[in-house]
Amino acid sequence: MASAAASLRIGAKVGLREIRVHLCQRSSGSQGIREFIEKHIVELKKANPDLPILIRECSDVQPKLWARHTFGQEKNVSNNLSADQVTKAVENVLSGKA
């Protein structure tokens, strides 16, 4: 992901207002999102300092990545994904593909 720093930047034309992550601290289903947060969240935030990135932890919750766009539109763009799949989903959100 370090080599793809340009893909981590958001353009104003995308209309993305917020990224929200829901995960469980212990469940195996949230492992991919936990790994993504541990490895890439700092780089993502540095590339997008004005984009709110919210991380919500709760026991036994299904892991999900939400993207909130202009006018309050929200999309659930992942569920039970590996760290690489979460990375790809975030890149798609930032580029406006998801």
PDB file of N, CA and C in Angstrom:
ATOM      1  N   MET A   1       0.823  -1.187   0.000  1.00  0.00           N
ATOM      2  CA  MET A   1       0.000   0.000   0.000  1.00  0.00           C
ATOM      3  C   MET A   1       0.864   1.246   0.000  1.00  0.00           C
ATOM      4  N   ALA A   2       2.086   1.164   0.507  1.00  0.00           N
ATOM      5  CA  ALA A   2       2.967   2.320   0.533  1.00  0.00           C
ATOM      6  C   ALA A   2       3.271   2.797  -0.882  1.00  0.00           C
ATOM      7  N   SER A   3       3.394   1.874  -1.807  1.00  0.00           N
ATOM      8  CA  SER A   3       3.671   2.254  -3.185  1.00  0.00           C
ATOM      9  C   SER A   3       2.451   2.855  -3.878  1.00  0.00           C
ATOM     10  N   ALA A   4       1.307   2.681  -3.294  1.00  0.00           N
ATOM     11  CA  ALA A   4       0.073   3.186  -3.891  1.00  0.00           C
ATOM     12  C   ALA A   4      -0.431   4.413  -3.135  1.00  0.00           C
ATOM     13  N   ALA A   5       0.492   5.240  -2.639  1.00  0.00           N
ATOM     14  CA  ALA A   5       0.101   6.412  -1.841  1.00  0.00           C
ATOM     15  C   ALA A   5      -0.795   7.352  -2.624  1.00  0.00           C
ATOM     16  N   ALA A   6      -0.572   7.458  -3.919  1.00  0.00           N
ATOM     17  CA  ALA A   6      -1.413   8.341  -4.732  1.00  0.00           C
ATOM     18  C   ALA A   6      -2.851   7.874  -4.750  1.00  0.00           C
ATOM     19  N   SER A   7      -3.073   6.571  -4.681  1.00  0.00           N
ATOM     20  CA  SER A   7      -4.441   6.061  -4.702  1.00  0.00           C
ATOM     21  C   SER A   7      -5.139   6.259  -3.362  1.00  0.00           C
ATOM     22  N   LEU A   8      -4.393   6.652  -2.344  1.00  0.00           N
ATOM     23  CA  LEU A   8      -4.980   6.897  -1.033  1.00  0.00           C
ATOM     24  C   LEU A   8      -5.469   8.322  -0.877  1.00  0.00           C
ATOM     25  N   ARG A   9      -5.198   9.163  -1.840  1.00  0.00           N
ATOM     26  CA  ARG A   9      -5.648  10.548  -1.760  1.00  0.00           C
ATOM     27  C   ARG A   9      -7.022  10.673  -2.386  1.00  0.00           C
ATOM     28  N   ILE A  10      -7.817  11.516  -1.784  1.00  0.00           N
ATOM     29  CA  ILE A  10      -9.188  11.690  -2.255  1.00  0.00           C
ATOM     30  C   ILE A  10      -9.301  12.977  -3.053  1.00  0.00           C
ATOM     31  N   GLY A  11     -10.037  12.921  -4.125  1.00  0.00           N
ATOM     32  CA  GLY A  11     -10.329  14.121  -4.881  1.00  0.00           C
ATOM     33  C   GLY A  11     -11.650  14.708  -4.423  1.00  0.00           C
ATOM     34  N   ALA A  12     -11.792  16.023  -4.487  1.00  0.00           N
ATOM     35  CA  ALA A  12     -13.022  16.682  -4.054  1.00  0.00           C
ATOM     36  C   ALA A  12     -14.217  16.228  -4.888  1.00  0.00           C
ATOM     37  N   LYS A  13     -13.963  15.829  -6.129  1.00  0.00           N
ATOM     38  CA  LYS A  13     -15.061  15.438  -7.015  1.00  0.00           C
ATOM     39  C   LYS A  13     -15.770  14.165  -6.556  1.00  0.00           C
ATOM     40  N   VAL A  14     -15.126  13.370  -5.725  1.00  0.00           N
ATOM     41  CA  VAL A  14     -15.709  12.115  -5.271  1.00  0.00           C
ATOM     42  C   VAL A  14     -16.880  12.355  -4.324  1.00  0.00           C
ATOM     43  N   GLY A  15     -16.823  13.411  -3.533  1.00  0.00           N
ATOM     44  CA  GLY A  15     -17.910  13.723  -2.613  1.00  0.00           C
ATOM     45  C   GLY A  15     -17.910  12.885  -1.351  1.00  0.00           C
ATOM     46  N   LEU A  16     -16.796  12.252  -1.032  1.00  0.00           N
ATOM     47  CA  LEU A  16     -16.698  11.440   0.176  1.00  0.00           C
ATOM     48  C   LEU A  16     -16.554  12.353   1.388  1.00  0.00           C
ATOM     49  N   ARG A  17     -17.380  12.132   2.388  1.00  0.00           N
ATOM     50  CA  ARG A  17     -17.373  12.982   3.579  1.00  0.00           C
ATOM     51  C   ARG A  17     -16.827  12.278   4.806  1.00  0.00           C
ATOM     52  N   GLU A  18     -16.877  10.931   4.823  1.00  0.00           N
ATOM     53  CA  GLU A  18     -16.459  10.216   6.030  1.00  0.00           C
ATOM     54  C   GLU A  18     -16.283   8.744   5.708  1.00  0.00           C
ATOM     55  N   ILE A  19     -15.317   8.109   6.364  1.00  0.00           N
ATOM     56  CA  ILE A  19     -15.167   6.655   6.340  1.00  0.00           C
ATOM     57  C   ILE A  19     -15.383   6.187   7.773  1.00  0.00           C
ATOM     58  N   ARG A  20     -16.239   5.186   7.928  1.00  0.00           N
ATOM     59  CA  ARG A  20     -16.551   4.660   9.256  1.00  0.00           C
ATOM     60  C   ARG A  20     -16.331   3.149   9.236  1.00  0.00           C
ATOM     61  N   VAL A  21     -15.621   2.668  10.235  1.00  0.00           N
ATOM     62  CA  VAL A  21     -15.298   1.250  10.333  1.00  0.00           C
ATOM     63  C   VAL A  21     -15.937   0.686  11.594  1.00  0.00           C
ATOM     64  N   HIS A  22     -16.670  -0.406  11.448  1.00  0.00           N
ATOM     65  CA  HIS A  22     -17.248  -1.124  12.590  1.00  0.00           C
ATOM     66  C   HIS A  22     -16.530  -2.462  12.682  1.00  0.00           C
ATOM     67  N   LEU A  23     -16.069  -2.826  13.876  1.00  0.00           N
ATOM     68  CA  LEU A  23     -15.382  -4.096  14.041  1.00  0.00           C
ATOM     69  C   LEU A  23     -15.485  -4.597  15.464  1.00  0.00           C
ATOM     70  N   CYS A  24     -15.229  -5.882  15.614  1.00  0.00           N
ATOM     71  CA  CYS A  24     -15.168  -6.531  16.920  1.00  0.00           C
ATOM     72  C   CYS A  24     -13.693  -6.673  17.291  1.00  0.00           C
ATOM     73  N   GLN A  25     -13.381  -6.477  18.556  1.00  0.00           N
ATOM     74  CA  GLN A  25     -11.995  -6.546  19.003  1.00  0.00           C
ATOM     75  C   GLN A  25     -11.433  -7.966  18.983  1.00  0.00           C
ATOM     76  N   ARG A  26     -12.296  -8.974  19.017  1.00  0.00           N
ATOM     77  CA  ARG A  26     -11.826 -10.344  19.181  1.00  0.00           C
ATOM     78  C   ARG A  26     -12.238 -11.321  18.088  1.00  0.00           C
ATOM     79  N   SER A  27     -13.301 -11.066  17.372  1.00  0.00           N
ATOM     80  CA  SER A  27     -13.830 -12.084  16.451  1.00  0.00           C
ATOM     81  C   SER A  27     -12.913 -12.290  15.246  1.00  0.00           C
ATOM     82  N   SER A  28     -12.921 -13.507  14.748  1.00  0.00           N
ATOM     83  CA  SER A  28     -12.101 -13.830  13.578  1.00  0.00           C
ATOM     84  C   SER A  28     -12.621 -13.125  12.326  1.00  0.00           C
ATOM     85  N   GLY A  29     -13.915 -12.824  12.286  1.00  0.00           N
ATOM     86  CA  GLY A  29     -14.488 -12.130  11.135  1.00  0.00           C
ATOM     87  C   GLY A  29     -13.965 -10.718  10.979  1.00  0.00           C
ATOM     88  N   SER A  30     -13.502 -10.115  12.063  1.00  0.00           N
ATOM     89  CA  SER A  30     -12.979  -8.745  12.016  1.00  0.00           C
ATOM     90  C   SER A  30     -11.465  -8.704  11.828  1.00  0.00           C
ATOM     91  N   GLN A  31     -10.831  -9.850  11.696  1.00  0.00           N
ATOM     92  CA  GLN A  31      -9.372  -9.907  11.608  1.00  0.00           C
ATOM     93  C   GLN A  31      -8.829  -9.060  10.449  1.00  0.00           C
ATOM     94  N   GLY A  32      -9.453  -9.133   9.298  1.00  0.00           N
ATOM     95  CA  GLY A  32      -8.972  -8.374   8.134  1.00  0.00           C
ATOM     96  C   GLY A  32      -9.021  -6.873   8.367  1.00  0.00           C
ATOM     97  N   ILE A  33     -10.088  -6.386   8.950  1.00  0.00           N
ATOM     98  CA  ILE A  33     -10.199  -4.950   9.215  1.00  0.00           C
ATOM     99  C   ILE A  33      -9.212  -4.546  10.306  1.00  0.00           C
ATOM    100  N   ARG A  34      -9.027  -5.397  11.333  1.00  0.00           N
ATOM    101  CA  ARG A  34      -8.035  -5.084  12.373  1.00  0.00           C
ATOM    102  C   ARG A  34      -6.637  -4.991  11.779  1.00  0.00           C
ATOM    103  N   GLU A  35      -6.284  -5.916  10.904  1.00  0.00           N
ATOM    104  CA  GLU A  35      -4.969  -5.882  10.255  1.00  0.00           C
ATOM    105  C   GLU A  35      -4.822  -4.628   9.398  1.00  0.00           C
ATOM    106  N   PHE A  36      -5.872  -4.268   8.660  1.00  0.00           N
ATOM    107  CA  PHE A  36      -5.828  -3.054   7.846  1.00  0.00           C
ATOM    108  C   PHE A  36      -5.573  -1.831   8.728  1.00  0.00           C
ATOM    109  N   ILE A  37      -6.275  -1.740   9.856  1.00  0.00           N
ATOM    110  CA  ILE A  37      -6.103  -0.595  10.752  1.00  0.00           C
ATOM    111  C   ILE A  37      -4.680  -0.548  11.299  1.00  0.00           C
ATOM    112  N   GLU A  38      -4.164  -1.693  11.730  1.00  0.00           N
ATOM    113  CA  GLU A  38      -2.815  -1.746  12.289  1.00  0.00           C
ATOM    114  C   GLU A  38      -1.749  -1.339  11.268  1.00  0.00           C
ATOM    115  N   LYS A  39      -1.923  -1.732  10.021  1.00  0.00           N
ATOM    116  CA  LYS A  39      -0.885  -1.517   9.012  1.00  0.00           C
ATOM    117  C   LYS A  39      -1.043  -0.231   8.206  1.00  0.00           C
ATOM    118  N   HIS A  40      -2.287   0.220   7.963  1.00  0.00           N
ATOM    119  CA  HIS A  40      -2.483   1.259   6.960  1.00  0.00           C
ATOM    120  C   HIS A  40      -3.225   2.510   7.406  1.00  0.00           C
ATOM    121  N   ILE A  41      -3.798   2.525   8.584  1.00  0.00           N
ATOM    122  CA  ILE A  41      -4.651   3.662   8.938  1.00  0.00           C
ATOM    123  C   ILE A  41      -3.855   4.961   9.063  1.00  0.00           C
ATOM    124  N   VAL A  42      -2.619   4.898   9.554  1.00  0.00           N
ATOM    125  CA  VAL A  42      -1.801   6.105   9.698  1.00  0.00           C
ATOM    126  C   VAL A  42      -1.483   6.694   8.325  1.00  0.00           C
ATOM    127  N   GLU A  43      -1.100   5.843   7.396  1.00  0.00           N
ATOM    128  CA  GLU A  43      -0.810   6.292   6.030  1.00  0.00           C
ATOM    129  C   GLU A  43      -2.051   6.885   5.365  1.00  0.00           C
ATOM    130  N   LEU A  44      -3.191   6.245   5.570  1.00  0.00           N
ATOM    131  CA  LEU A  44      -4.445   6.733   5.004  1.00  0.00           C
ATOM    132  C   LEU A  44      -4.787   8.112   5.567  1.00  0.00           C
ATOM    133  N   LYS A  45      -4.625   8.281   6.853  1.00  0.00           N
ATOM    134  CA  LYS A  45      -4.955   9.565   7.478  1.00  0.00           C
ATOM    135  C   LYS A  45      -3.974  10.656   7.040  1.00  0.00           C
ATOM    136  N   LYS A  46      -2.700  10.316   6.897  1.00  0.00           N
ATOM    137  CA  LYS A  46      -1.714  11.303   6.418  1.00  0.00           C
ATOM    138  C   LYS A  46      -2.028  11.746   4.995  1.00  0.00           C
ATOM    139  N   ALA A  47      -2.505  10.834   4.168  1.00  0.00           N
ATOM    140  CA  ALA A  47      -2.836  11.165   2.781  1.00  0.00           C
ATOM    141  C   ALA A  47      -4.134  11.955   2.673  1.00  0.00           C
ATOM    142  N   ASN A  48      -4.998  11.851   3.691  1.00  0.00           N
ATOM    143  CA  ASN A  48      -6.317  12.507   3.688  1.00  0.00           C
ATOM    144  C   ASN A  48      -6.566  13.175   5.042  1.00  0.00           C
ATOM    145  N   PRO A  49      -5.804  14.212   5.377  1.00  0.00           N
ATOM    146  CA  PRO A  49      -5.909  14.796   6.721  1.00  0.00           C
ATOM    147  C   PRO A  49      -7.269  15.425   7.033  1.00  0.00           C
ATOM    148  N   ASP A  50      -8.015  15.836   6.035  1.00  0.00           N
ATOM    149  CA  ASP A  50      -9.307  16.474   6.271  1.00  0.00           C
ATOM    150  C   ASP A  50     -10.485  15.509   6.231  1.00  0.00           C
ATOM    151  N   LEU A  51     -10.229  14.249   5.943  1.00  0.00           N
ATOM    152  CA  LEU A  51     -11.285  13.242   5.859  1.00  0.00           C
ATOM    153  C   LEU A  51     -11.462  12.562   7.218  1.00  0.00           C
ATOM    154  N   PRO A  52     -12.641  12.664   7.833  1.00  0.00           N
ATOM    155  CA  PRO A  52     -12.870  11.951   9.092  1.00  0.00           C
ATOM    156  C   PRO A  52     -12.869  10.440   8.866  1.00  0.00           C
ATOM    157  N   ILE A  53     -12.074   9.741   9.680  1.00  0.00           N
ATOM    158  CA  ILE A  53     -12.031   8.286   9.647  1.00  0.00           C
ATOM    159  C   ILE A  53     -12.392   7.828  11.059  1.00  0.00           C
ATOM    160  N   LEU A  54     -13.569   7.240  11.192  1.00  0.00           N
ATOM    161  CA  LEU A  54     -14.087   6.836  12.500  1.00  0.00           C
ATOM    162  C   LEU A  54     -13.964   5.331  12.658  1.00  0.00           C
ATOM    163  N   ILE A  55     -13.444   4.895  13.788  1.00  0.00           N
ATOM    164  CA  ILE A  55     -13.293   3.476  14.068  1.00  0.00           C
ATOM    165  C   ILE A  55     -14.154   3.154  15.284  1.00  0.00           C
ATOM    166  N   ARG A  56     -15.115   2.272  15.092  1.00  0.00           N
ATOM    167  CA  ARG A  56     -16.061   1.902  16.145  1.00  0.00           C
ATOM    168  C   ARG A  56     -15.874   0.427  16.496  1.00  0.00           C
ATOM    169  N   GLU A  57     -15.475   0.179  17.731  1.00  0.00           N
ATOM    170  CA  GLU A  57     -15.298  -1.190  18.198  1.00  0.00           C
ATOM    171  C   GLU A  57     -16.457  -1.577  19.111  1.00  0.00           C
ATOM    172  N   CYS A  58     -16.946  -2.788  18.922  1.00  0.00           N
ATOM    173  CA  CYS A  58     -18.038  -3.285  19.745  1.00  0.00           C
ATOM    174  C   CYS A  58     -17.990  -4.815  19.716  1.00  0.00           C
ATOM    175  N   SER A  59     -18.252  -5.430  20.832  1.00  0.00           N
ATOM    176  CA  SER A  59     -18.223  -6.893  20.903  1.00  0.00           C
ATOM    177  C   SER A  59     -19.290  -7.512  20.010  1.00  0.00           C
ATOM    178  N   ASP A  60     -18.895  -8.540  19.307  1.00  0.00           N
ATOM    179  CA  ASP A  60     -19.793  -9.358  18.483  1.00  0.00           C
ATOM    180  C   ASP A  60     -20.507  -8.596  17.369  1.00  0.00           C
ATOM    181  N   VAL A  61     -19.935  -7.527  16.886  1.00  0.00           N
ATOM    182  CA  VAL A  61     -20.530  -6.795  15.774  1.00  0.00           C
ATOM    183  C   VAL A  61     -19.935  -7.331  14.467  1.00  0.00           C
ATOM    184  N   GLN A  62     -20.722  -7.309  13.408  1.00  0.00           N
ATOM    185  CA  GLN A  62     -20.231  -7.718  12.090  1.00  0.00           C
ATOM    186  C   GLN A  62     -19.304  -6.629  11.555  1.00  0.00           C
ATOM    187  N   PRO A  63     -18.133  -6.997  11.042  1.00  0.00           N
ATOM    188  CA  PRO A  63     -17.208  -5.983  10.524  1.00  0.00           C
ATOM    189  C   PRO A  63     -17.751  -5.355   9.238  1.00  0.00           C
ATOM    190  N   LYS A  64     -17.720  -4.029   9.202  1.00  0.00           N
ATOM    191  CA  LYS A  64     -18.206  -3.315   8.017  1.00  0.00           C
ATOM    192  C   LYS A  64     -17.412  -2.042   7.824  1.00  0.00           C
ATOM    193  N   LEU A  65     -17.284  -1.660   6.581  1.00  0.00           N
ATOM    194  CA  LEU A  65     -16.667  -0.395   6.201  1.00  0.00           C
ATOM    195  C   LEU A  65     -17.754   0.436   5.521  1.00  0.00           C
ATOM    196  N   TRP A  66     -18.047   1.595   6.104  1.00  0.00           N
ATOM    197  CA  TRP A  66     -19.086   2.473   5.571  1.00  0.00           C
ATOM    198  C   TRP A  66     -18.441   3.698   4.959  1.00  0.00           C
ATOM    199  N   ALA A  67     -18.984   4.154   3.856  1.00  0.00           N
ATOM    200  CA  ALA A  67     -18.560   5.401   3.224  1.00  0.00           C
ATOM    201  C   ALA A  67     -19.760   6.338   3.194  1.00  0.00           C
ATOM    202  N   ARG A  68     -19.599   7.524   3.778  1.00  0.00           N
ATOM    203  CA  ARG A  68     -20.676   8.521   3.749  1.00  0.00           C
ATOM    204  C   ARG A  68     -20.304   9.581   2.730  1.00  0.00           C
ATOM    205  N   HIS A  69     -21.214   9.802   1.799  1.00  0.00           N
ATOM    206  CA  HIS A  69     -20.998  10.740   0.707  1.00  0.00           C
ATOM    207  C   HIS A  69     -21.834  12.006   0.898  1.00  0.00           C
ATOM    208  N   THR A  70     -21.757  12.881  -0.066  1.00  0.00           N
ATOM    209  CA  THR A  70     -22.526  14.110  -0.068  1.00  0.00           C
ATOM    210  C   THR A  70     -24.011  13.806   0.115  1.00  0.00           C
ATOM    211  N   PHE A  71     -24.718  14.701   0.778  1.00  0.00           N
ATOM    212  CA  PHE A  71     -26.156  14.595   1.030  1.00  0.00           C
ATOM    213  C   PHE A  71     -26.523  13.393   1.900  1.00  0.00           C
ATOM    214  N   GLY A  72     -25.580  12.891   2.701  1.00  0.00           N
ATOM    215  CA  GLY A  72     -25.862  11.826   3.652  1.00  0.00           C
ATOM    216  C   GLY A  72     -25.985  10.428   3.075  1.00  0.00           C
ATOM    217  N   GLN A  73     -25.684  10.255   1.797  1.00  0.00           N
ATOM    218  CA  GLN A  73     -25.737   8.910   1.206  1.00  0.00           C
ATOM    219  C   GLN A  73     -24.657   8.044   1.843  1.00  0.00           C
ATOM    220  N   GLU A  74     -25.031   6.846   2.261  1.00  0.00           N
ATOM    221  CA  GLU A  74     -24.076   5.923   2.858  1.00  0.00           C
ATOM    222  C   GLU A  74     -24.064   4.611   2.098  1.00  0.00           C
ATOM    223  N   LYS A  75     -22.864   4.032   1.998  1.00  0.00           N
ATOM    224  CA  LYS A  75     -22.703   2.734   1.350  1.00  0.00           C
ATOM    225  C   LYS A  75     -21.892   1.836   2.254  1.00  0.00           C
ATOM    226  N   ASN A  76     -22.352   0.609   2.399  1.00  0.00           N
ATOM    227  CA  ASN A  76     -21.583  -0.417   3.087  1.00  0.00           C
ATOM    228  C   ASN A  76     -20.724  -1.070   2.012  1.00  0.00           C
ATOM    229  N   VAL A  77     -19.419  -0.882   2.083  1.00  0.00           N
ATOM    230  CA  VAL A  77     -18.573  -1.351   0.997  1.00  0.00           C
ATOM    231  C   VAL A  77     -17.778  -2.605   1.320  1.00  0.00           C
ATOM    232  N   SER A  78     -17.923  -3.142   2.534  1.00  0.00           N
ATOM    233  CA  SER A  78     -17.241  -4.405   2.817  1.00  0.00           C
ATOM    234  C   SER A  78     -17.874  -5.108   3.996  1.00  0.00           C
ATOM    235  N   ASN A  79     -17.618  -6.390   4.073  1.00  0.00           N
ATOM    236  CA  ASN A  79     -18.112  -7.207   5.169  1.00  0.00           C
ATOM    237  C   ASN A  79     -17.293  -8.495   5.202  1.00  0.00           C
ATOM    238  N   ASN A  80     -16.641  -8.774   6.311  1.00  0.00           N
ATOM    239  CA  ASN A  80     -15.831  -9.996   6.490  1.00  0.00           C
ATOM    240  C   ASN A  80     -14.766 -10.166   5.416  1.00  0.00           C
ATOM    241  N   LEU A  81     -13.941  -9.158   5.217  1.00  0.00           N
ATOM    242  CA  LEU A  81     -12.906  -9.212   4.199  1.00  0.00           C
ATOM    243  C   LEU A  81     -11.523  -9.385   4.817  1.00  0.00           C
ATOM    244  N   SER A  82     -10.585  -9.868   4.008  1.00  0.00           N
ATOM    245  CA  SER A  82      -9.190  -9.946   4.443  1.00  0.00           C
ATOM    246  C   SER A  82      -8.592  -8.538   4.414  1.00  0.00           C
ATOM    247  N   ALA A  83      -7.398  -8.381   4.988  1.00  0.00           N
ATOM    248  CA  ALA A  83      -6.753  -7.067   5.017  1.00  0.00           C
ATOM    249  C   ALA A  83      -6.518  -6.534   3.599  1.00  0.00           C
ATOM    250  N   ASP A  84      -6.120  -7.397   2.670  1.00  0.00           N
ATOM    251  CA  ASP A  84      -5.899  -6.962   1.283  1.00  0.00           C
ATOM    252  C   ASP A  84      -7.198  -6.538   0.620  1.00  0.00           C
ATOM    253  N   GLN A  85      -8.271  -7.254   0.898  1.00  0.00           N
ATOM    254  CA  GLN A  85      -9.571  -6.893   0.332  1.00  0.00           C
ATOM    255  C   GLN A  85     -10.084  -5.574   0.919  1.00  0.00           C
ATOM    256  N   VAL A  86      -9.821  -5.340   2.200  1.00  0.00           N
ATOM    257  CA  VAL A  86     -10.202  -4.070   2.822  1.00  0.00           C
ATOM    258  C   VAL A  86      -9.414  -2.932   2.186  1.00  0.00           C
ATOM    259  N   THR A  87      -8.127  -3.150   1.953  1.00  0.00           N
ATOM    260  CA  THR A  87      -7.288  -2.143   1.296  1.00  0.00           C
ATOM    261  C   THR A  87      -7.853  -1.789  -0.073  1.00  0.00           C
ATOM    262  N   LYS A  88      -8.218  -2.792  -0.839  1.00  0.00           N
ATOM    263  CA  LYS A  88      -8.787  -2.572  -2.174  1.00  0.00           C
ATOM    264  C   LYS A  88     -10.117  -1.827  -2.075  1.00  0.00           C
ATOM    265  N   ALA A  89     -10.950  -2.179  -1.092  1.00  0.00           N
ATOM    266  CA  ALA A  89     -12.236  -1.504  -0.904  1.00  0.00           C
ATOM    267  C   ALA A  89     -12.027  -0.033  -0.561  1.00  0.00           C
ATOM    268  N   VAL A  90     -11.057   0.270   0.299  1.00  0.00           N
ATOM    269  CA  VAL A  90     -10.774   1.665   0.660  1.00  0.00           C
ATOM    270  C   VAL A  90     -10.261   2.429  -0.561  1.00  0.00           C
ATOM    271  N   GLU A  91      -9.384   1.820  -1.338  1.00  0.00           N
ATOM    272  CA  GLU A  91      -8.886   2.471  -2.560  1.00  0.00           C
ATOM    273  C   GLU A  91     -10.036   2.761  -3.521  1.00  0.00           C
ATOM    274  N   ASN A  92     -10.983   1.830  -3.644  1.00  0.00           N
ATOM    275  CA  ASN A  92     -12.139   2.048  -4.509  1.00  0.00           C
ATOM    276  C   ASN A  92     -13.009   3.189  -3.999  1.00  0.00           C
ATOM    277  N   VAL A  93     -13.203   3.280  -2.687  1.00  0.00           N
ATOM    278  CA  VAL A  93     -13.984   4.364  -2.101  1.00  0.00           C
ATOM    279  C   VAL A  93     -13.313   5.706  -2.383  1.00  0.00           C
ATOM    280  N   LEU A  94     -12.003   5.760  -2.172  1.00  0.00           N
ATOM    281  CA  LEU A  94     -11.280   7.024  -2.359  1.00  0.00           C
ATOM    282  C   LEU A  94     -11.225   7.469  -3.810  1.00  0.00           C
ATOM    283  N   SER A  95     -11.285   6.509  -4.725  1.00  0.00           N
ATOM    284  CA  SER A  95     -11.248   6.864  -6.140  1.00  0.00           C
ATOM    285  C   SER A  95     -12.639   7.093  -6.723  1.00  0.00           C
ATOM    286  N   GLY A  96     -13.663   6.836  -5.913  1.00  0.00           N
ATOM    287  CA  GLY A  96     -15.035   7.043  -6.372  1.00  0.00           C
ATOM    288  C   GLY A  96     -15.644   5.865  -7.091  1.00  0.00           C
ATOM    289  N   LYS A  97     -14.989   4.706  -7.059  1.00  0.00           N
ATOM    290  CA  LYS A  97     -15.500   3.517  -7.745  1.00  0.00           C
ATOM    291  C   LYS A  97     -16.534   2.765  -6.917  1.00  0.00           C
ATOM    292  N   ALA A  98     -16.564   3.011  -5.616  1.00  0.00           N
ATOM    293  CA  ALA A  98     -17.514   2.283  -4.765  1.00  0.00           C
ATOM    294  C   ALA A  98     -18.443   3.236  -4.065  1.00  0.00           C
TER     295      ALA A  98
END
